[in-house]
C-alpha atoms as a PDB file:
ATOM      1  CA  MET A   1     113.189 169.545 106.873  1.00  0.00           C
ATOM      2  CA  GLN A   2     116.250 169.642 108.755  1.00  0.00           C
ATOM      3  CA  GLU A   3     114.991 167.883 111.018  1.00  0.00           C
ATOM      4  CA  ARG A   4     112.866 165.617 108.988  1.00  0.00           C
ATOM      5  CA  GLN A   5     116.009 164.667 106.581  1.00  0.00           C
ATOM      6  CA  ILE A   6     117.364 163.056 109.886  1.00  0.00           C
ATOM      7  CA  ILE A   7     114.065 161.908 111.725  1.00  0.00           C
ATOM      8  CA  LYS A   8     113.851 159.859 107.316  1.00  0.00           C
ATOM      9  CA  THR A   9     117.534 159.183 107.983  1.00  0.00           C
ATOM     10  CA  ASN A  10     117.126 156.897 111.127  1.00  0.00           C
ATOM     11  CA  MET A  11     114.423 155.440 110.120  1.00  0.00           C
ATOM     12  CA  LYS A  12     116.003 154.485 106.956  1.00  0.00           C
ATOM     13  CA  LYS A  13     119.043 153.449 108.984  1.00  0.00           C
ATOM     14  CA  ARG A  14     116.461 151.050 111.691  1.00  0.00           C
ATOM     15  CA  PHE A  15     114.664 149.390 109.029  1.00  0.00           C
ATOM     16  CA  THR A  16     117.796 148.179 106.913  1.00  0.00           C
ATOM     17  CA  LEU A  17     119.199 147.095 110.800  1.00  0.00           C
ATOM     18  CA  VAL A  18     115.863 145.137 111.210  1.00  0.00           C
ATOM     19  CA  LEU A  19     115.843 143.741 107.410  1.00  0.00           C
ATOM     20  CA  LEU A  20     119.455 142.256 108.584  1.00  0.00           C
ATOM     21  CA  PHE A  21     118.915 140.934 111.702  1.00  0.00           C
ATOM     22  CA  MET A  22     116.114 139.273 110.035  1.00  0.00           C
ATOM     23  CA  ALA A  23     118.162 138.235 107.481  1.00  0.00           C
ATOM     24  CA  ALA A  24     120.301 136.918 110.268  1.00  0.00           C
ATOM     25  CA  LEU A  25     117.791 134.681 111.887  1.00  0.00           C
ATOM     26  CA  ASN A  26     116.817 133.609 108.213  1.00  0.00           C
ATOM     27  CA  ALA A  27     120.323 132.280 107.729  1.00  0.00           C
ATOM     28  CA  HIS A  28     120.568 131.155 111.334  1.00  0.00           C
ATOM     29  CA  ALA A  29     116.768 129.348 111.138  1.00  0.00           C
ATOM     30  CA  GLN A  30     118.334 128.060 107.769  1.00  0.00           C
ATOM     31  CA  ASP A  31     121.495 126.534 108.671  1.00  0.00           C
ATOM     32  CA  ASP A  32     119.580 125.037 111.421  1.00  0.00           C
ATOM     33  CA  LEU A  33     117.182 123.610 109.040  1.00  0.00           C
ATOM     34  CA  LEU A  34     120.071 122.251 107.310  1.00  0.00           C
ATOM     35  CA  ASN A  35     121.804 120.835 109.839  1.00  0.00           C
ATOM     36  CA  MET A  36     118.932 118.357 111.359  1.00  0.00           C
ATOM     37  CA  LEU A  37     118.226 117.605 108.160  1.00  0.00           C
ATOM     38  CA  GLU A  38     121.668 116.213 107.871  1.00  0.00           C
ATOM     39  CA  ALA A  39     120.689 114.588 111.300  1.00  0.00           C
ATOM     40  CA  GLU A  40     118.066 112.769 109.883  1.00  0.00           C
ATOM     41  CA  GLN A  41     119.528 111.866 106.798  1.00  0.00           C
ATOM     42  CA  PRO A  42     123.496 111.120 107.668  1.00  0.00           C
ATOM     43  CA  GLN A  43     126.683 111.238 105.753  1.00  0.00           C
ATOM     44  CA  LYS A  44     127.033 107.111 106.192  1.00  0.00           C
ATOM     45  CA  PRO A  45     124.418 104.884 105.734  1.00  0.00           C
ATOM     46  CA  VAL A  46     123.435 103.961 108.912  1.00  0.00           C
ATOM     47  CA  PRO A  47     121.687 100.280 109.568  1.00  0.00           C
ATOM     48  CA  VAL A  48     117.990 100.161 109.749  1.00  0.00           C
ATOM     49  CA  TYR A  49     116.812  97.893 112.963  1.00  0.00           C
ATOM     50  CA  ALA A  50     113.059  96.491 114.147  1.00  0.00           C
ATOM     51  CA  THR A  51     111.359  96.342 111.180  1.00  0.00           C
ATOM     52  CA  PHE A  52     109.311  94.061 112.214  1.00  0.00           C
ATOM     53  CA  LYS A  53     108.941  92.556 115.483  1.00  0.00           C
ATOM     54  CA  ALA A  54     109.558  89.267 115.138  1.00  0.00           C
ATOM     55  CA  THR A  55     110.843  86.780 112.700  1.00  0.00           C
ATOM     56  CA  ARG A  56     107.386  86.008 111.718  1.00  0.00           C
ATOM     57  CA  VAL A  57     104.691  88.932 110.606  1.00  0.00           C
ATOM     58  CA  ILE A  58     102.089  86.491 112.004  1.00  0.00           C
ATOM     59  CA  ASN A  59     102.117  83.480 110.393  1.00  0.00           C
ATOM     60  CA  GLY A  60     104.389  84.048 107.665  1.00  0.00           C
ATOM     61  CA  GLN A  61     108.385  84.501 107.546  1.00  0.00           C
ATOM     62  CA  SER A  62     109.359  88.294 108.224  1.00  0.00           C
ATOM     63  CA  ASN A  63     112.619  89.978 107.289  1.00  0.00           C
ATOM     64  CA  GLU A  64     114.213  90.137 110.531  1.00  0.00           C
ATOM     65  CA  GLN A  65     116.850  86.705 111.333  1.00  0.00           C
ATOM     66  CA  VAL A  66     118.128  85.485 114.991  1.00  0.00           C
ATOM     67  CA  ALA A  67     121.076  86.684 115.941  1.00  0.00           C
ATOM     68  CA  ALA A  68     124.477  84.563 115.489  1.00  0.00           C
ATOM     69  CA  LYS A  69     125.086  82.331 117.833  1.00  0.00           C
ATOM     70  CA  HIS A  70     121.447  82.694 119.376  1.00  0.00           C
ATOM     71  CA  LEU A  71     118.678  79.898 119.694  1.00  0.00           C
ATOM     72  CA  ASN A  72     115.172  80.570 118.985  1.00  0.00           C
ATOM     73  CA  PHE A  73     112.263  79.074 120.061  1.00  0.00           C
ATOM     74  CA  VAL A  74     109.174  79.861 118.668  1.00  0.00           C
ATOM     75  CA  ILE A  75     105.569  77.587 119.706  1.00  0.00           C
ATOM     76  CA  LEU A  76     102.502  78.971 117.450  1.00  0.00           C
ATOM     77  CA  HIS A  77      99.131  77.562 118.364  1.00  0.00           C
ATOM     78  CA  ARG A  78      95.890  78.153 116.575  1.00  0.00           C
ATOM     79  CA  PHE A  79      92.869  76.937 118.168  1.00  0.00           C
ATOM     80  CA  GLY A  80      89.153  75.922 115.888  1.00  0.00           C
ATOM     81  CA  GLU A  81      87.320  78.090 114.336  1.00  0.00           C
ATOM     82  CA  VAL A  82      84.991  80.062 116.086  1.00  0.00           C
ATOM     83  CA  ASN A  83      81.753  79.498 113.618  1.00  0.00           C
ATOM     84  CA  GLN A  84      81.374  75.999 115.458  1.00  0.00           C
ATOM     85  CA  GLY A  85      79.582  77.555 118.184  1.00  0.00           C
ATOM     86  CA  ALA A  86      79.879  77.222 122.267  1.00  0.00           C
ATOM     87  CA  TYR A  87      79.730  73.241 122.239  1.00  0.00           C
ATOM     88  CA  GLU A  88      83.088  73.389 120.932  1.00  0.00           C
ATOM     89  CA  LEU A  89      83.062  76.552 123.478  1.00  0.00           C
ATOM     90  CA  TRP A  90      84.016  78.709 120.126  1.00  0.00           C
ATOM     91  CA  GLY A  91      86.731  76.434 118.887  1.00  0.00           C
ATOM     92  CA  LEU A  92      88.382  76.696 122.259  1.00  0.00           C
ATOM     93  CA  ASP A  93      87.982  72.811 122.708  1.00  0.00           C
ATOM     94  CA  GLN A  94      90.465  72.318 119.391  1.00  0.00           C
ATOM     95  CA  ALA A  95      94.100  72.814 118.617  1.00  0.00           C
ATOM     96  CA  ASN A  96      96.943  72.580 116.451  1.00  0.00           C
ATOM     97  CA  ILE A  97     100.423  73.434 116.954  1.00  0.00           C
ATOM     98  CA  ARG A  98     104.088  73.662 115.631  1.00  0.00           C
ATOM     99  CA  LEU A  99     107.360  73.856 117.726  1.00  0.00           C
ATOM    100  CA  VAL A 100     110.190  75.861 115.604  1.00  0.00           C
ATOM    101  CA  PHE A 101     113.764  76.107 116.108  1.00  0.00           C
ATOM    102  CA  ASP A 102     115.645  78.789 115.174  1.00  0.00           C
ATOM    103  CA  TYR A 103     119.354  79.238 114.780  1.00  0.00           C
ATOM    104  CA  GLY A 104     121.765  81.740 113.319  1.00  0.00           C
ATOM    105  CA  LEU A 105     124.671  80.955 112.528  1.00  0.00           C
ATOM    106  CA  THR A 106     125.995  84.247 111.702  1.00  0.00           C
ATOM    107  CA  ASP A 107     123.637  87.273 111.649  1.00  0.00           C
ATOM    108  CA  LYS A 108     122.333  86.710 107.665  1.00  0.00           C
ATOM    109  CA  ILE A 109     122.173  83.150 107.607  1.00  0.00           C
ATOM    110  CA  GLN A 110     119.565  81.106 109.714  1.00  0.00           C
ATOM    111  CA  VAL A 111     118.667  76.995 110.070  1.00  0.00           C
ATOM    112  CA  GLY A 112     115.572  76.013 111.673  1.00  0.00           C
ATOM    113  CA  LEU A 113     114.171  72.864 112.400  1.00  0.00           C
ATOM    114  CA  ALA A 114     110.233  72.392 113.174  1.00  0.00           C
ATOM    115  CA  ARG A 115     107.765  70.165 113.176  1.00  0.00           C
ATOM    116  CA  SER A 116     103.704  70.603 112.901  1.00  0.00           C
ATOM    117  CA  SER A 117     100.785  68.722 113.924  1.00  0.00           C
ATOM    118  CA  VAL A 118      98.852  69.226 110.427  1.00  0.00           C
ATOM    119  CA  GLY A 119      99.965  66.176 108.889  1.00  0.00           C
ATOM    120  CA  LYS A 120     102.840  65.173 112.186  1.00  0.00           C
ATOM    121  CA  THR A 121     104.949  67.180 109.477  1.00  0.00           C
ATOM    122  CA  TYR A 122     109.238  67.858 109.779  1.00  0.00           C
ATOM    123  CA  ASP A 123     110.436  70.534 108.263  1.00  0.00           C
ATOM    124  CA  GLY A 124     114.102  71.714 107.512  1.00  0.00           C
ATOM    125  CA  ASN A 125     114.826  74.980 106.903  1.00  0.00           C
ATOM    126  CA  LEU A 126     116.636  78.058 105.718  1.00  0.00           C
ATOM    127  CA  LYS A 127     116.696  82.202 106.030  1.00  0.00           C
ATOM    128  CA  ILE A 128     119.122  84.176 104.195  1.00  0.00           C
ATOM    129  CA  LYS A 129     119.922  87.989 104.681  1.00  0.00           C
ATOM    130  CA  LEU A 130     120.522  89.535 101.102  1.00  0.00           C
ATOM    131  CA  LEU A 131     120.597  92.454 101.788  1.00  0.00           C
ATOM    132  CA  SER A 132     120.226  95.219 104.540  1.00  0.00           C
ATOM    133  CA  GLN A 133     118.258  98.355 104.536  1.00  0.00           C
ATOM    134  CA  SER A 134     120.004 101.324 105.848  1.00  0.00           C
ATOM    135  CA  ARG A 135     119.308 104.804 105.677  1.00  0.00           C
ATOM    136  CA  GLY A 136     121.368 108.209 104.225  1.00  0.00           C
ATOM    137  CA  LYS A 137     123.850 108.641 101.393  1.00  0.00           C
ATOM    138  CA  GLY A 138     123.858 105.890  99.695  1.00  0.00           C
ATOM    139  CA  GLY A 139     122.143 104.018 102.048  1.00  0.00           C
ATOM    140  CA  MET A 140     119.968 100.895 100.975  1.00  0.00           C
ATOM    141  CA  PRO A 141     115.918 101.685 100.840  1.00  0.00           C
ATOM    142  CA  ILE A 142     114.961  97.826 101.580  1.00  0.00           C
ATOM    143  CA  THR A 143     116.022  94.937 102.835  1.00  0.00           C
ATOM    144  CA  LEU A 144     115.709  91.209 101.017  1.00  0.00           C
ATOM    145  CA  ASN A 145     116.047  87.998 102.231  1.00  0.00           C
ATOM    146  CA  TYR A 146     115.116  84.676 100.617  1.00  0.00           C
ATOM    147  CA  TYR A 147     113.792  81.637 102.970  1.00  0.00           C
ATOM    148  CA  GLY A 148     112.564  78.070 101.713  1.00  0.00           C
ATOM    149  CA  ASN A 149     112.309  74.702 103.294  1.00  0.00           C
ATOM    150  CA  MET A 150     111.633  71.124 102.463  1.00  0.00           C
ATOM    151  CA  ALA A 151     108.941  69.185 105.083  1.00  0.00           C
ATOM    152  CA  ILE A 152     107.464  65.797 104.721  1.00  0.00           C
ATOM    153  CA  ASN A 153     104.049  64.497 106.081  1.00  0.00           C
ATOM    154  CA  THR A 154     104.803  61.407 108.281  1.00  0.00           C
ATOM    155  CA  THR A 155     100.740  60.323 108.436  1.00  0.00           C
ATOM    156  CA  GLU A 156     100.247  57.107 107.493  1.00  0.00           C
ATOM    157  CA  TRP A 157      99.217  55.437 103.873  1.00  0.00           C
ATOM    158  CA  ALA A 158      95.059  55.964 103.737  1.00  0.00           C
ATOM    159  CA  ASN A 159      96.104  52.769 101.249  1.00  0.00           C
ATOM    160  CA  PRO A 160      98.996  50.619 102.880  1.00  0.00           C
ATOM    161  CA  ASN A 161      98.420  47.987  99.825  1.00  0.00           C
ATOM    162  CA  ARG A 162      99.509  50.045  96.816  1.00  0.00           C
ATOM    163  CA  ASP A 163     102.723  51.770  95.339  1.00  0.00           C
ATOM    164  CA  ASN A 164     103.542  54.307  97.875  1.00  0.00           C
ATOM    165  CA  TYR A 165     106.679  56.295  97.192  1.00  0.00           C
ATOM    166  CA  PHE A 166     108.472  58.275 100.100  1.00  0.00           C
ATOM    167  CA  THR A 167     109.373  61.133  97.615  1.00  0.00           C
ATOM    168  CA  SER A 168     105.581  61.500  97.505  1.00  0.00           C
ATOM    169  CA  ARG A 169     105.854  62.484 101.050  1.00  0.00           C
ATOM    170  CA  LEU A 170     107.994  65.797  99.819  1.00  0.00           C
ATOM    171  CA  SER A 171     107.059  69.437  99.987  1.00  0.00           C
ATOM    172  CA  TYR A 172     108.673  72.473  99.256  1.00  0.00           C
ATOM    173  CA  PHE A 173     109.137  76.403  99.410  1.00  0.00           C
ATOM    174  CA  ASN A 174     110.986  79.221  98.614  1.00  0.00           C
ATOM    175  CA  GLN A 175     110.465  82.753  99.452  1.00  0.00           C
ATOM    176  CA  ILE A 176     111.938  86.229  98.501  1.00  0.00           C
ATOM    177  CA  ILE A 177     111.196  88.503 100.850  1.00  0.00           C
ATOM    178  CA  ILE A 178     111.282  92.660 100.076  1.00  0.00           C
ATOM    179  CA  ALA A 179     110.658  94.805 103.163  1.00  0.00           C
ATOM    180  CA  ARG A 180     111.023  97.978 103.339  1.00  0.00           C
ATOM    181  CA  LYS A 181     110.257 100.398 107.013  1.00  0.00           C
ATOM    182  CA  PHE A 182     109.407 103.969 106.347  1.00  0.00           C
ATOM    183  CA  SER A 183     109.451 104.731 109.849  1.00  0.00           C
ATOM    184  CA  ASP A 184     108.835 103.644 113.414  1.00  0.00           C
ATOM    185  CA  LYS A 185     104.951 103.163 113.166  1.00  0.00           C
ATOM    186  CA  LEU A 186     104.889 101.500 109.596  1.00  0.00           C
ATOM    187  CA  SER A 187     106.295  98.618 108.167  1.00  0.00           C
ATOM    188  CA  LEU A 188     105.443  97.309 104.437  1.00  0.00           C
ATOM    189  CA  GLN A 189     106.761  93.629 102.799  1.00  0.00           C
ATOM    190  CA  ILE A 190     105.981  91.950  99.993  1.00  0.00           C
ATOM    191  CA  ALA A 191     106.874  88.571  99.606  1.00  0.00           C
ATOM    192  CA  PRO A 192     107.016  86.439  95.942  1.00  0.00           C
ATOM    193  CA  CYS A 193     106.564  82.674  96.898  1.00  0.00           C
ATOM    194  CA  MET A 194     106.150  79.197  95.368  1.00  0.00           C
ATOM    195  CA  VAL A 195     104.830  76.024  97.290  1.00  0.00           C
ATOM    196  CA  HIS A 196     105.753  72.238  94.711  1.00  0.00           C
ATOM    197  CA  GLU A 197     104.203  69.231  96.284  1.00  0.00           C
ATOM    198  CA  ASN A 198     105.223  65.824  94.236  1.00  0.00           C
ATOM    199  CA  LEU A 199     101.937  64.560  94.930  1.00  0.00           C
ATOM    200  CA  VAL A 200      98.984  66.299  94.886  1.00  0.00           C
ATOM    201  CA  THR A 201      94.641  65.705  95.579  1.00  0.00           C
ATOM    202  CA  TYR A 202      93.503  65.402  92.386  1.00  0.00           C
ATOM    203  CA  LYS A 203      95.383  64.894  88.343  1.00  0.00           C
ATOM    204  CA  GLU A 204      94.329  68.098  87.612  1.00  0.00           C
ATOM    205  CA  ASP A 205      96.061  70.150  90.290  1.00  0.00           C
ATOM    206  CA  PRO A 206      99.087  72.181  89.082  1.00  0.00           C
ATOM    207  CA  ASN A 207     102.155  70.498  91.394  1.00  0.00           C
ATOM    208  CA  THR A 208     103.529  73.823  91.754  1.00  0.00           C
ATOM    209  CA  ILE A 209     101.467  76.829  93.175  1.00  0.00           C
ATOM    210  CA  TYR A 210     102.639  80.356  93.148  1.00  0.00           C
ATOM    211  CA  ALA A 211     101.496  83.588  95.588  1.00  0.00           C
ATOM    212  CA  ILE A 212     102.515  87.389  96.848  1.00  0.00           C
ATOM    213  CA  GLY A 213     102.639  87.084 100.259  1.00  0.00           C
ATOM    214  CA  THR A 214     102.039  90.519 101.684  1.00  0.00           C
ATOM    215  CA  GLY A 215     102.340  91.937 105.083  1.00  0.00           C
ATOM    216  CA  GLY A 216     102.605  95.175 107.363  1.00  0.00           C
ATOM    217  CA  SER A 217     103.030  96.240 110.817  1.00  0.00           C
ATOM    218  CA  ILE A 218     101.537  99.933 112.180  1.00  0.00           C
ATOM    219  CA  ARG A 219     102.458 100.461 116.117  1.00  0.00           C
ATOM    220  CA  LEU A 220      99.737 101.832 117.887  1.00  0.00           C
ATOM    221  CA  ASN A 221     102.115 102.645 121.422  1.00  0.00           C
ATOM    222  CA  ARG A 222     104.900 102.316 122.406  1.00  0.00           C
ATOM    223  CA  SER A 223     104.754  98.644 123.266  1.00  0.00           C
ATOM    224  CA  VAL A 224     101.459  96.773 120.851  1.00  0.00           C
ATOM    225  CA  ARG A 225     101.108  96.776 117.267  1.00  0.00           C
ATOM    226  CA  PHE A 226      98.688  96.025 114.823  1.00  0.00           C
ATOM    227  CA  ASN A 227      99.753  93.215 111.680  1.00  0.00           C
ATOM    228  CA  PHE A 228      98.126  91.893 108.587  1.00  0.00           C
ATOM    229  CA  GLU A 229      99.647  89.168 106.065  1.00  0.00           C
ATOM    230  CA  TYR A 230      97.833  88.023 102.741  1.00  0.00           C
ATOM    231  CA  TYR A 231      98.087  85.419 100.220  1.00  0.00           C
ATOM    232  CA  PRO A 232      96.509  84.776  97.719  1.00  0.00           C
ATOM    233  CA  ARG A 233      97.577  82.455  94.927  1.00  0.00           C
ATOM    234  CA  LEU A 234      98.215  83.761  92.000  1.00  0.00           C
ATOM    235  CA  ASN A 235      97.071  79.917  90.040  1.00  0.00           C
ATOM    236  CA  GLY A 236      95.542  76.843  91.145  1.00  0.00           C
ATOM    237  CA  ARG A 237      92.267  79.620  92.290  1.00  0.00           C
ATOM    238  CA  ASP A 238      90.126  76.211  91.274  1.00  0.00           C
ATOM    239  CA  MET A 239      91.923  73.766  93.583  1.00  0.00           C
ATOM    240  CA  LYS A 240      89.731  72.199  96.228  1.00  0.00           C
ATOM    241  CA  SER A 241      90.557  70.260  99.646  1.00  0.00           C
ATOM    242  CA  ASP A 242      91.312  66.383 100.138  1.00  0.00           C
ATOM    243  CA  ALA A 243      87.066  66.332 101.154  1.00  0.00           C
ATOM    244  CA  GLY A 244      85.982  68.174  98.154  1.00  0.00           C
ATOM    245  CA  GLY A 245      85.787  71.836  99.813  1.00  0.00           C
ATOM    246  CA  PRO A 246      86.662  74.898  98.222  1.00  0.00           C
ATOM    247  CA  LEU A 247      89.799  76.130  99.334  1.00  0.00           C
ATOM    248  CA  TYR A 248      91.005  80.230 100.008  1.00  0.00           C
ATOM    249  CA  ASP A 249      93.125  82.562  99.888  1.00  0.00           C
ATOM    250  CA  TYR A 250      95.405  83.228 103.761  1.00  0.00           C
ATOM    251  CA  LEU A 251      94.308  85.971 105.331  1.00  0.00           C
ATOM    252  CA  ALA A 252      95.187  86.744 109.391  1.00  0.00           C
ATOM    253  CA  LEU A 253      95.055  89.823 111.495  1.00  0.00           C
ATOM    254  CA  GLY A 254      97.037  90.425 114.916  1.00  0.00           C
ATOM    255  CA  PHE A 255      98.697  91.964 117.269  1.00  0.00           C
ATOM    256  CA  ASP A 256     102.511  91.741 118.541  1.00  0.00           C
ATOM    257  CA  LEU A 257     102.344  92.585 122.472  1.00  0.00           C
ATOM    258  CA  GLU A 258     105.960  93.987 124.098  1.00  0.00           C
ATOM    259  CA  THR A 259     106.651  91.891 127.436  1.00  0.00           C
ATOM    260  CA  GLY A 260     109.307  92.182 129.206  1.00  0.00           C
ATOM    261  CA  GLY A 261     111.721  91.986 126.307  1.00  0.00           C
ATOM    262  CA  HIS A 262     109.449  89.091 124.684  1.00  0.00           C
ATOM    263  CA  VAL A 263     106.747  89.302 121.711  1.00  0.00           C
ATOM    264  CA  PHE A 264     103.543  88.094 122.495  1.00  0.00           C
ATOM    265  CA  GLN A 265     101.350  88.005 119.365  1.00  0.00           C
ATOM    266  CA  VAL A 266      97.872  87.192 119.457  1.00  0.00           C
ATOM    267  CA  MET A 267      95.347  86.429 116.128  1.00  0.00           C
ATOM    268  CA  LEU A 268      92.689  85.184 113.434  1.00  0.00           C
ATOM    269  CA  SER A 269      93.447  83.347 110.836  1.00  0.00           C
ATOM    270  CA  ASN A 270      91.671  80.878 108.270  1.00  0.00           C
ATOM    271  CA  GLY A 271      94.496  78.727 108.016  1.00  0.00           C
ATOM    272  CA  LYS A 272      95.039  75.828 109.884  1.00  0.00           C
ATOM    273  CA  GLY A 273      98.070  74.483 109.490  1.00  0.00           C
ATOM    274  CA  MET A 274     100.828  76.978 110.402  1.00  0.00           C
ATOM    275  CA  LEU A 275     104.112  75.861 107.742  1.00  0.00           C
ATOM    276  CA  GLU A 276     104.091  77.530 104.356  1.00  0.00           C
ATOM    277  CA  GLN A 277     102.953  75.472 102.703  1.00  0.00           C
ATOM    278  CA  HIS A 278      99.495  74.216 104.347  1.00  0.00           C
ATOM    279  CA  MET A 279      98.830  77.839 104.388  1.00  0.00           C
ATOM    280  CA  VAL A 280      99.144  79.180 100.552  1.00  0.00           C
ATOM    281  CA  ASN A 281      98.178  74.991  99.073  1.00  0.00           C
ATOM    282  CA  ASP A 282      95.371  74.101 102.102  1.00  0.00           C
ATOM    283  CA  THR A 283      93.344  77.308 103.878  1.00  0.00           C
ATOM    284  CA  ARG A 284      89.611  75.461 103.869  1.00  0.00           C
ATOM    285  CA  TYR A 285      87.837  78.447 105.781  1.00  0.00           C
ATOM    286  CA  SER A 286      86.913  81.594 105.384  1.00  0.00           C
ATOM    287  CA  TRP A 287      86.431  85.011 107.058  1.00  0.00           C
ATOM    288  CA  LYS A 288      82.970  85.529 105.672  1.00  0.00           C
ATOM    289  CA  ASP A 289      81.100  82.117 106.946  1.00  0.00           C
ATOM    290  CA  GLY A 290      82.556  83.004 110.410  1.00  0.00           C
ATOM    291  CA  GLY A 291      86.012  80.101 110.042  1.00  0.00           C
ATOM    292  CA  VAL A 292      88.756  82.088 111.337  1.00  0.00           C
ATOM    293  CA  ARG A 293      90.644  80.874 114.132  1.00  0.00           C
ATOM    294  CA  LEU A 294      91.726  82.179 117.169  1.00  0.00           C
ATOM    295  CA  GLY A 295      95.721  81.872 117.934  1.00  0.00           C
ATOM    296  CA  PHE A 296      98.603  83.352 119.482  1.00  0.00           C
ATOM    297  CA  ASN A 297     102.746  82.553 118.930  1.00  0.00           C
ATOM    298  CA  ILE A 298     105.101  82.799 122.182  1.00  0.00           C
ATOM    299  CA  ALA A 299     109.040  83.000 120.985  1.00  0.00           C
ATOM    300  CA  ARG A 300     111.997  82.254 123.826  1.00  0.00           C
ATOM    301  CA  THR A 301     115.529  83.167 122.563  1.00  0.00           C
ATOM    302  CA  PHE A 302     118.581  81.365 123.959  1.00  0.00           C
ATOM    303  CA  SER A 303     122.077  83.034 123.822  1.00  0.00           C
ATOM    304  CA  PHE A 304     125.813  80.648 123.293  1.00  0.00           C
ATOM    305  CA  ASP A 305     128.152  83.975 122.409  1.00  0.00           C
ATOM    306  CA  LYS A 306     130.134  83.253 125.001  1.00  0.00           C
ATOM    307  CA  LYS A 307     131.819  86.824 124.655  1.00  0.00           C
ATOM    308  CA  LYS A 308     128.513  88.233 125.371  1.00  0.00           C
ATOM    309  CA  LYS A 309     127.646  86.606 128.148  1.00  0.00           C
ATOM    310  CA  LYS A 310     131.003  87.346 129.546  1.00  0.00           C
ATOM    311  CA  GLY A 311     130.207  91.691 128.778  1.00  0.00           C
END
């Protein structure tokens, strides 16, 4: 009996030691988990960078801006519709181009000048970062930007003998961009916008059109991302082109290809024009009918920051 009692006592002690050891391991694991969570969620807000890889999701603006004292030169190129067949080499015989020069006055204020072949249009633009996303306690959940431009169409008047006003050539675009980087693999944004044209095609057309832009980017691997954007109009749904045909909502799908520190963008879209006014108000082709265009964007950034050059 005494031996049995000693065995029971020893077993109890061992069981107690095992429980204490397991509790210690559990406490250590909890501490490690808390440390990992603290590392994931720093005590002070940490800025979130590279929500998108370029200043444009595809054709429309992203929340990204040109850094202070840097000039970003962008060539946007769109071919013709692929449904034109072999005679037009599925649209490759045709081309529209837009040249953009964007300069960062500060890290939060960007100005730009551009010229589009569609309408021989010139425009000046302004982009301001109002809020920046950050993670950690008290962090900002989104990035918020304002973007706007004023454009002038310089094509010759169809009827030069009638009274034509300079103001009739002007149009305006205003947009608020709300973006969030959810992870290294997913970024999304919503961008309500307004287009105002002083001169419209038909009397019944509204001068001001509202649209809700949406866009996103999904990382496929280290150097490739899939992008999409869609700009449905909220009013003016029954508008027609100057040729009398229907107008459609702009939709584009594309890829970011990072090559040697630069981003090359290739895409398919149903829009001919690359100026925001043309994109929202004058998309004449439908994905359903094969009225999509192959295109690409090439960007090159030049630094005028002497301090960084010396460093």
